[in-house]
C-alpha cells in the first residue's frame, strides 16, 4: 500500500517538473521581448532544455518602436 502511494507521489513530482520545463521557456521569452508561443513550439519540436539554452544565448530582443 505504501509503495503505491510513494510511486504516485514520484509520478506527480515528475509530471510537475516536466510541465514546469515546458512553461519556463514561455516566461523567459516574454521577459526577453520574444514570442512565448514560438518558443513553446521550439520546446515541443526540439526540447524545452534546447529552447532555454537558445533563449539564454540569444538574449533580449531589440525593443520595437512604438508609433
PDB file of N, CA and C in Angstrom:
ATOM      1  N   UNK A   1       0.829  -1.198   0.000  1.00  0.00           N
ATOM      2  CA  UNK A   1       0.000   0.000   0.000  1.00  0.00           C
ATOM      3  C   UNK A   1       0.871   1.258   0.000  1.00  0.00           C
ATOM      4  N   UNK A   2       1.900   1.271   0.834  1.00  0.00           N
ATOM      5  CA  UNK A   2       2.762   2.443   0.921  1.00  0.00           C
ATOM      6  C   UNK A   2       3.577   2.624  -0.363  1.00  0.00           C
ATOM      7  N   UNK A   3       3.949   1.503  -1.021  1.00  0.00           N
ATOM      8  CA  UNK A   3       4.706   1.587  -2.257  1.00  0.00           C
ATOM      9  C   UNK A   3       3.882   2.248  -3.362  1.00  0.00           C
ATOM     10  N   UNK A   4       2.576   1.974  -3.388  1.00  0.00           N
ATOM     11  CA  UNK A   4       1.700   2.594  -4.373  1.00  0.00           C
ATOM     12  C   UNK A   4       1.642   4.103  -4.168  1.00  0.00           C
ATOM     13  N   UNK A   5       1.535   4.535  -2.918  1.00  0.00           N
ATOM     14  CA  UNK A   5       1.478   5.954  -2.608  1.00  0.00           C
ATOM     15  C   UNK A   5       2.792   6.635  -2.977  1.00  0.00           C
ATOM     16  N   UNK A   6       3.910   5.997  -2.674  1.00  0.00           N
ATOM     17  CA  UNK A   6       5.218   6.558  -2.990  1.00  0.00           C
ATOM     18  C   UNK A   6       5.400   6.674  -4.496  1.00  0.00           C
ATOM     19  N   UNK A   7       4.979   5.680  -5.245  1.00  0.00           N
ATOM     20  CA  UNK A   7       5.055   5.719  -6.701  1.00  0.00           C
ATOM     21  C   UNK A   7       4.189   6.817  -7.278  1.00  0.00           C
ATOM     22  N   UNK A   8       3.010   7.008  -6.701  1.00  0.00           N
ATOM     23  CA  UNK A   8       2.109   8.057  -7.162  1.00  0.00           C
ATOM     24  C   UNK A   8       2.709   9.435  -6.903  1.00  0.00           C
ATOM     25  N   UNK A   9       3.281   9.632  -5.737  1.00  0.00           N
ATOM     26  CA  UNK A   9       3.920  10.914  -5.413  1.00  0.00           C
ATOM     27  C   UNK A   9       5.089  11.161  -6.353  1.00  0.00           C
ATOM     28  N   UNK A  10       5.890  10.128  -6.627  1.00  0.00           N
ATOM     29  CA  UNK A  10       7.020  10.257  -7.535  1.00  0.00           C
ATOM     30  C   UNK A  10       6.553  10.665  -8.929  1.00  0.00           C
ATOM     31  N   UNK A  11       5.514  10.030  -9.450  1.00  0.00           N
ATOM     32  CA  UNK A  11       4.995  10.381 -10.768  1.00  0.00           C
ATOM     33  C   UNK A  11       4.431  11.797 -10.789  1.00  0.00           C
ATOM     34  N   UNK A  12       3.798  12.221  -9.715  1.00  0.00           N
ATOM     35  CA  UNK A  12       3.266  13.564  -9.628  1.00  0.00           C
ATOM     36  C   UNK A  12       4.392  14.599  -9.655  1.00  0.00           C
ATOM     37  N   UNK A  13       5.466  14.337  -8.930  1.00  0.00           N
ATOM     38  CA  UNK A  13       6.607  15.248  -8.916  1.00  0.00           C
ATOM     39  C   UNK A  13       7.240  15.325 -10.300  1.00  0.00           C
ATOM     40  N   UNK A  14       7.407  14.188 -10.961  1.00  0.00           N
ATOM     41  CA  UNK A  14       7.971  14.162 -12.314  1.00  0.00           C
ATOM     42  C   UNK A  14       7.082  14.941 -13.277  1.00  0.00           C
ATOM     43  N   UNK A  15       5.773  14.775 -13.188  1.00  0.00           N
ATOM     44  CA  UNK A  15       4.837  15.490 -14.060  1.00  0.00           C
ATOM     45  C   UNK A  15       4.932  17.001 -13.840  1.00  0.00           C
ATOM     46  N   UNK A  16       5.042  17.437 -12.604  1.00  0.00           N
ATOM     47  CA  UNK A  16       5.154  18.865 -12.305  1.00  0.00           C
ATOM     48  C   UNK A  16       6.447  19.432 -12.876  1.00  0.00           C
ATOM     49  N   UNK A  17       7.540  18.701 -12.738  1.00  0.00           N
ATOM     50  CA  UNK A  17       8.829  19.161 -13.274  1.00  0.00           C
ATOM     51  C   UNK A  17       8.776  19.265 -14.793  1.00  0.00           C
ATOM     52  N   UNK A  18       8.179  18.293 -15.456  1.00  0.00           N
ATOM     53  CA  UNK A  18       8.083  18.319 -16.922  1.00  0.00           C
ATOM     54  C   UNK A  18       7.219  19.487 -17.374  1.00  0.00           C
ATOM     55  N   UNK A  19       6.091  19.710 -16.732  1.00  0.00           N
ATOM     56  CA  UNK A  19       5.231  20.840 -17.081  1.00  0.00           C
ATOM     57  C   UNK A  19       5.971  22.149 -16.865  1.00  0.00           C
ATOM     58  N   UNK A  20       6.704  22.267 -15.759  1.00  0.00           N
ATOM     59  CA  UNK A  20       7.474  23.472 -15.479  1.00  0.00           C
ATOM     60  C   UNK A  20       8.537  23.706 -16.556  1.00  0.00           C
ATOM     61  N   UNK A  21       9.167  22.625 -17.028  1.00  0.00           N
ATOM     62  CA  UNK A  21      10.181  22.761 -18.077  1.00  0.00           C
ATOM     63  C   UNK A  21       9.582  23.267 -19.387  1.00  0.00           C
ATOM     64  N   UNK A  22       8.323  22.976 -19.654  1.00  0.00           N
ATOM     65  CA  UNK A  22       7.684  23.489 -20.861  1.00  0.00           C
ATOM     66  C   UNK A  22       7.156  24.903 -20.673  1.00  0.00           C
ATOM     67  N   UNK A  23       6.861  25.308 -19.449  1.00  0.00           N
ATOM     68  CA  UNK A  23       6.378  26.664 -19.188  1.00  0.00           C
ATOM     69  C   UNK A  23       7.528  27.658 -19.070  1.00  0.00           C
ATOM     70  N   UNK A  24       8.671  27.217 -18.575  1.00  0.00           N
ATOM     71  CA  UNK A  24       9.812  28.104 -18.365  1.00  0.00           C
ATOM     72  C   UNK A  24      10.244  28.849 -19.627  1.00  0.00           C
ATOM     73  N   UNK A  25      10.376  28.206 -20.798  1.00  0.00           N
ATOM     74  CA  UNK A  25      10.755  28.980 -21.989  1.00  0.00           C
ATOM     75  C   UNK A  25       9.742  30.062 -22.368  1.00  0.00           C
ATOM     76  N   UNK A  26       8.477  29.830 -22.084  1.00  0.00           N
ATOM     77  CA  UNK A  26       7.452  30.832 -22.390  1.00  0.00           C
ATOM     78  C   UNK A  26       7.698  32.085 -21.561  1.00  0.00           C
ATOM     79  N   UNK A  27       7.901  31.919 -20.266  1.00  0.00           N
ATOM     80  CA  UNK A  27       8.124  33.084 -19.405  1.00  0.00           C
ATOM     81  C   UNK A  27       9.460  33.742 -19.707  1.00  0.00           C
ATOM     82  N   UNK A  28      10.486  32.936 -20.003  1.00  0.00           N
ATOM     83  CA  UNK A  28      11.785  33.514 -20.364  1.00  0.00           C
ATOM     84  C   UNK A  28      11.681  34.336 -21.643  1.00  0.00           C
ATOM     85  N   UNK A  29      10.945  33.832 -22.630  1.00  0.00           N
ATOM     86  CA  UNK A  29      10.792  34.543 -23.901  1.00  0.00           C
ATOM     87  C   UNK A  29      10.053  35.856 -23.701  1.00  0.00           C
ATOM     88  N   UNK A  30       9.003  35.842 -22.917  1.00  0.00           N
ATOM     89  CA  UNK A  30       8.236  37.065 -22.697  1.00  0.00           C
ATOM     90  C   UNK A  30       9.068  38.120 -21.983  1.00  0.00           C
ATOM     91  N   UNK A  31       9.932  37.716 -21.065  1.00  0.00           N
ATOM     92  CA  UNK A  31      10.813  38.666 -20.381  1.00  0.00           C
ATOM     93  C   UNK A  31      11.873  39.231 -21.312  1.00  0.00           C
ATOM     94  N   UNK A  32      12.164  38.528 -22.397  1.00  0.00           N
ATOM     95  CA  UNK A  32      13.169  38.966 -23.355  1.00  0.00           C
ATOM     96  C   UNK A  32      12.547  39.579 -24.607  1.00  0.00           C
ATOM     97  N   UNK A  33      11.294  39.989 -24.536  1.00  0.00           N
ATOM     98  CA  UNK A  33      10.565  40.615 -25.646  1.00  0.00           C
ATOM     99  C   UNK A  33      10.478  39.693 -26.859  1.00  0.00           C
ATOM    100  N   UNK A  34      10.274  38.422 -26.617  1.00  0.00           N
ATOM    101  CA  UNK A  34      10.130  37.441 -27.693  1.00  0.00           C
ATOM    102  C   UNK A  34       8.778  36.734 -27.544  1.00  0.00           C
ATOM    103  N   UNK A  35       8.349  36.080 -28.597  1.00  0.00           N
ATOM    104  CA  UNK A  35       7.051  35.406 -28.605  1.00  0.00           C
ATOM    105  C   UNK A  35       7.106  34.130 -27.765  1.00  0.00           C
ATOM    106  N   UNK A  36       6.267  34.068 -26.754  1.00  0.00           N
ATOM    107  CA  UNK A  36       6.198  32.879 -25.922  1.00  0.00           C
ATOM    108  C   UNK A  36       5.693  31.668 -26.685  1.00  0.00           C
ATOM    109  N   UNK A  37       4.751  31.885 -27.609  1.00  0.00           N
ATOM    110  CA  UNK A  37       4.194  30.782 -28.391  1.00  0.00           C
ATOM    111  C   UNK A  37       5.263  30.148 -29.277  1.00  0.00           C
ATOM    112  N   UNK A  38       6.057  30.973 -29.936  1.00  0.00           N
ATOM    113  CA  UNK A  38       7.114  30.448 -30.811  1.00  0.00           C
ATOM    114  C   UNK A  38       8.093  29.613 -29.997  1.00  0.00           C
ATOM    115  N   UNK A  39       8.472  30.108 -28.830  1.00  0.00           N
ATOM    116  CA  UNK A  39       9.450  29.384 -28.016  1.00  0.00           C
ATOM    117  C   UNK A  39       8.848  28.143 -27.380  1.00  0.00           C
ATOM    118  N   UNK A  40       7.558  28.146 -27.125  1.00  0.00           N
ATOM    119  CA  UNK A  40       6.882  26.924 -26.673  1.00  0.00           C
ATOM    120  C   UNK A  40       6.940  25.868 -27.773  1.00  0.00           C
ATOM    121  N   UNK A  41       6.679  26.300 -29.015  1.00  0.00           N
ATOM    122  CA  UNK A  41       6.719  25.368 -30.133  1.00  0.00           C
ATOM    123  C   UNK A  41       8.138  24.845 -30.368  1.00  0.00           C
ATOM    124  N   UNK A  42       9.141  25.695 -30.203  1.00  0.00           N
ATOM    125  CA  UNK A  42      10.524  25.234 -30.301  1.00  0.00           C
ATOM    126  C   UNK A  42      10.788  24.178 -29.229  1.00  0.00           C
ATOM    127  N   UNK A  43      10.255  24.393 -28.033  1.00  0.00           N
ATOM    128  CA  UNK A  43      10.406  23.416 -26.962  1.00  0.00           C
ATOM    129  C   UNK A  43       9.705  22.104 -27.260  1.00  0.00           C
ATOM    130  N   UNK A  44       8.569  22.165 -27.942  1.00  0.00           N
ATOM    131  CA  UNK A  44       7.839  20.949 -28.301  1.00  0.00           C
ATOM    132  C   UNK A  44       8.598  20.183 -29.389  1.00  0.00           C
ATOM    133  N   UNK A  45       9.055  20.890 -30.423  1.00  0.00           N
ATOM    134  CA  UNK A  45       9.731  20.241 -31.548  1.00  0.00           C
ATOM    135  C   UNK A  45      11.107  19.735 -31.135  1.00  0.00           C
ATOM    136  N   UNK A  46      11.877  20.581 -30.468  1.00  0.00           N
ATOM    137  CA  UNK A  46      13.209  20.183 -30.024  1.00  0.00           C
ATOM    138  C   UNK A  46      13.133  19.584 -28.640  1.00  0.00           C
ATOM    139  N   UNK A  47      13.371  20.432 -27.674  1.00  0.00           N
ATOM    140  CA  UNK A  47      13.208  20.052 -26.271  1.00  0.00           C
ATOM    141  C   UNK A  47      13.148  21.344 -25.478  1.00  0.00           C
ATOM    142  N   UNK A  48      12.533  21.320 -24.300  1.00  0.00           N
ATOM    143  CA  UNK A  48      12.480  22.548 -23.518  1.00  0.00           C
ATOM    144  C   UNK A  48      13.876  23.017 -23.104  1.00  0.00           C
ATOM    145  N   UNK A  49      14.791  22.095 -22.872  1.00  0.00           N
ATOM    146  CA  UNK A  49      16.149  22.494 -22.500  1.00  0.00           C
ATOM    147  C   UNK A  49      16.848  23.199 -23.655  1.00  0.00           C
ATOM    148  N   UNK A  50      16.615  22.742 -24.877  1.00  0.00           N
ATOM    149  CA  UNK A  50      17.171  23.410 -26.049  1.00  0.00           C
ATOM    150  C   UNK A  50      16.615  24.825 -26.163  1.00  0.00           C
ATOM    151  N   UNK A  51      15.318  24.984 -25.968  1.00  0.00           N
ATOM    152  CA  UNK A  51      14.698  26.307 -26.037  1.00  0.00           C
ATOM    153  C   UNK A  51      15.282  27.228 -24.966  1.00  0.00           C
ATOM    154  N   UNK A  52      15.479  26.718 -23.763  1.00  0.00           N
ATOM    155  CA  UNK A  52      16.039  27.520 -22.677  1.00  0.00           C
ATOM    156  C   UNK A  52      17.458  27.958 -23.019  1.00  0.00           C
ATOM    157  N   UNK A  53      18.274  27.018 -23.518  1.00  0.00           N
ATOM    158  CA  UNK A  53      19.653  27.354 -23.873  1.00  0.00           C
ATOM    159  C   UNK A  53      19.713  28.362 -25.016  1.00  0.00           C
ATOM    160  N   UNK A  54      18.851  28.212 -26.010  1.00  0.00           N
ATOM    161  CA  UNK A  54      18.824  29.172 -27.116  1.00  0.00           C
ATOM    162  C   UNK A  54      18.396  30.557 -26.637  1.00  0.00           C
ATOM    163  N   UNK A  55      17.416  30.615 -25.764  1.00  0.00           N
ATOM    164  CA  UNK A  55      16.991  31.908 -25.229  1.00  0.00           C
ATOM    165  C   UNK A  55      18.116  32.579 -24.449  1.00  0.00           C
ATOM    166  N   UNK A  56      18.837  31.799 -23.676  1.00  0.00           N
ATOM    167  CA  UNK A  56      19.969  32.363 -22.945  1.00  0.00           C
ATOM    168  C   UNK A  56      21.046  32.859 -23.907  1.00  0.00           C
ATOM    169  N   UNK A  57      21.269  32.138 -24.996  1.00  0.00           N
ATOM    170  CA  UNK A  57      22.293  32.533 -25.961  1.00  0.00           C
ATOM    171  C   UNK A  57      21.871  33.777 -26.756  1.00  0.00           C
ATOM    172  N   UNK A  58      20.610  33.856 -27.145  1.00  0.00           N
ATOM    173  CA  UNK A  58      20.146  34.990 -27.942  1.00  0.00           C
ATOM    174  C   UNK A  58      19.985  36.264 -27.130  1.00  0.00           C
ATOM    175  N   UNK A  59      19.637  36.136 -25.870  1.00  0.00           N
ATOM    176  CA  UNK A  59      19.462  37.317 -25.023  1.00  0.00           C
ATOM    177  C   UNK A  59      18.177  38.059 -25.351  1.00  0.00           C
ATOM    178  N   UNK A  60      18.156  39.329 -25.007  1.00  0.00           N
ATOM    179  CA  UNK A  60      16.968  40.152 -25.198  1.00  0.00           C
ATOM    180  C   UNK A  60      16.821  40.547 -26.663  1.00  0.00           C
ATOM    181  N   UNK A  61      15.566  40.586 -27.119  1.00  0.00           N
ATOM    182  CA  UNK A  61      15.269  41.086 -28.455  1.00  0.00           C
ATOM    183  C   UNK A  61      15.268  42.608 -28.395  1.00  0.00           C
ATOM    184  N   UNK A  62      15.609  43.250 -29.513  1.00  0.00           N
ATOM    185  CA  UNK A  62      15.579  44.722 -29.509  1.00  0.00           C
ATOM    186  C   UNK A  62      14.156  45.228 -29.306  1.00  0.00           C
ATOM    187  N   UNK A  63      14.057  46.349 -28.646  1.00  0.00           N
ATOM    188  CA  UNK A  63      12.734  46.960 -28.394  1.00  0.00           C
ATOM    189  C   UNK A  63      12.119  47.396 -29.722  1.00  0.00           C
ATOM    190  N   UNK A  64      10.824  47.141 -29.884  1.00  0.00           N
ATOM    191  CA  UNK A  64      10.102  47.585 -31.054  1.00  0.00           C
ATOM    192  C   UNK A  64       9.667  49.028 -30.837  1.00  0.00           C
ATOM    193  N   UNK A  65       9.896  49.902 -31.817  1.00  0.00           N
ATOM    194  CA  UNK A  65       9.478  51.298 -31.633  1.00  0.00           C
ATOM    195  C   UNK A  65       7.958  51.401 -31.588  1.00  0.00           C
ATOM    196  N   UNK A  66       7.475  52.225 -30.691  1.00  0.00           N
ATOM    197  CA  UNK A  66       6.023  52.439 -30.577  1.00  0.00           C
ATOM    198  C   UNK A  66       5.637  53.605 -31.450  1.00  0.00           C
ATOM    199  N   UNK A  67       4.521  53.460 -32.144  1.00  0.00           N
ATOM    200  CA  UNK A  67       4.072  54.512 -33.056  1.00  0.00           C
ATOM    201  C   UNK A  67       3.059  55.381 -32.377  1.00  0.00           C
TER     202      UNK A  67
END
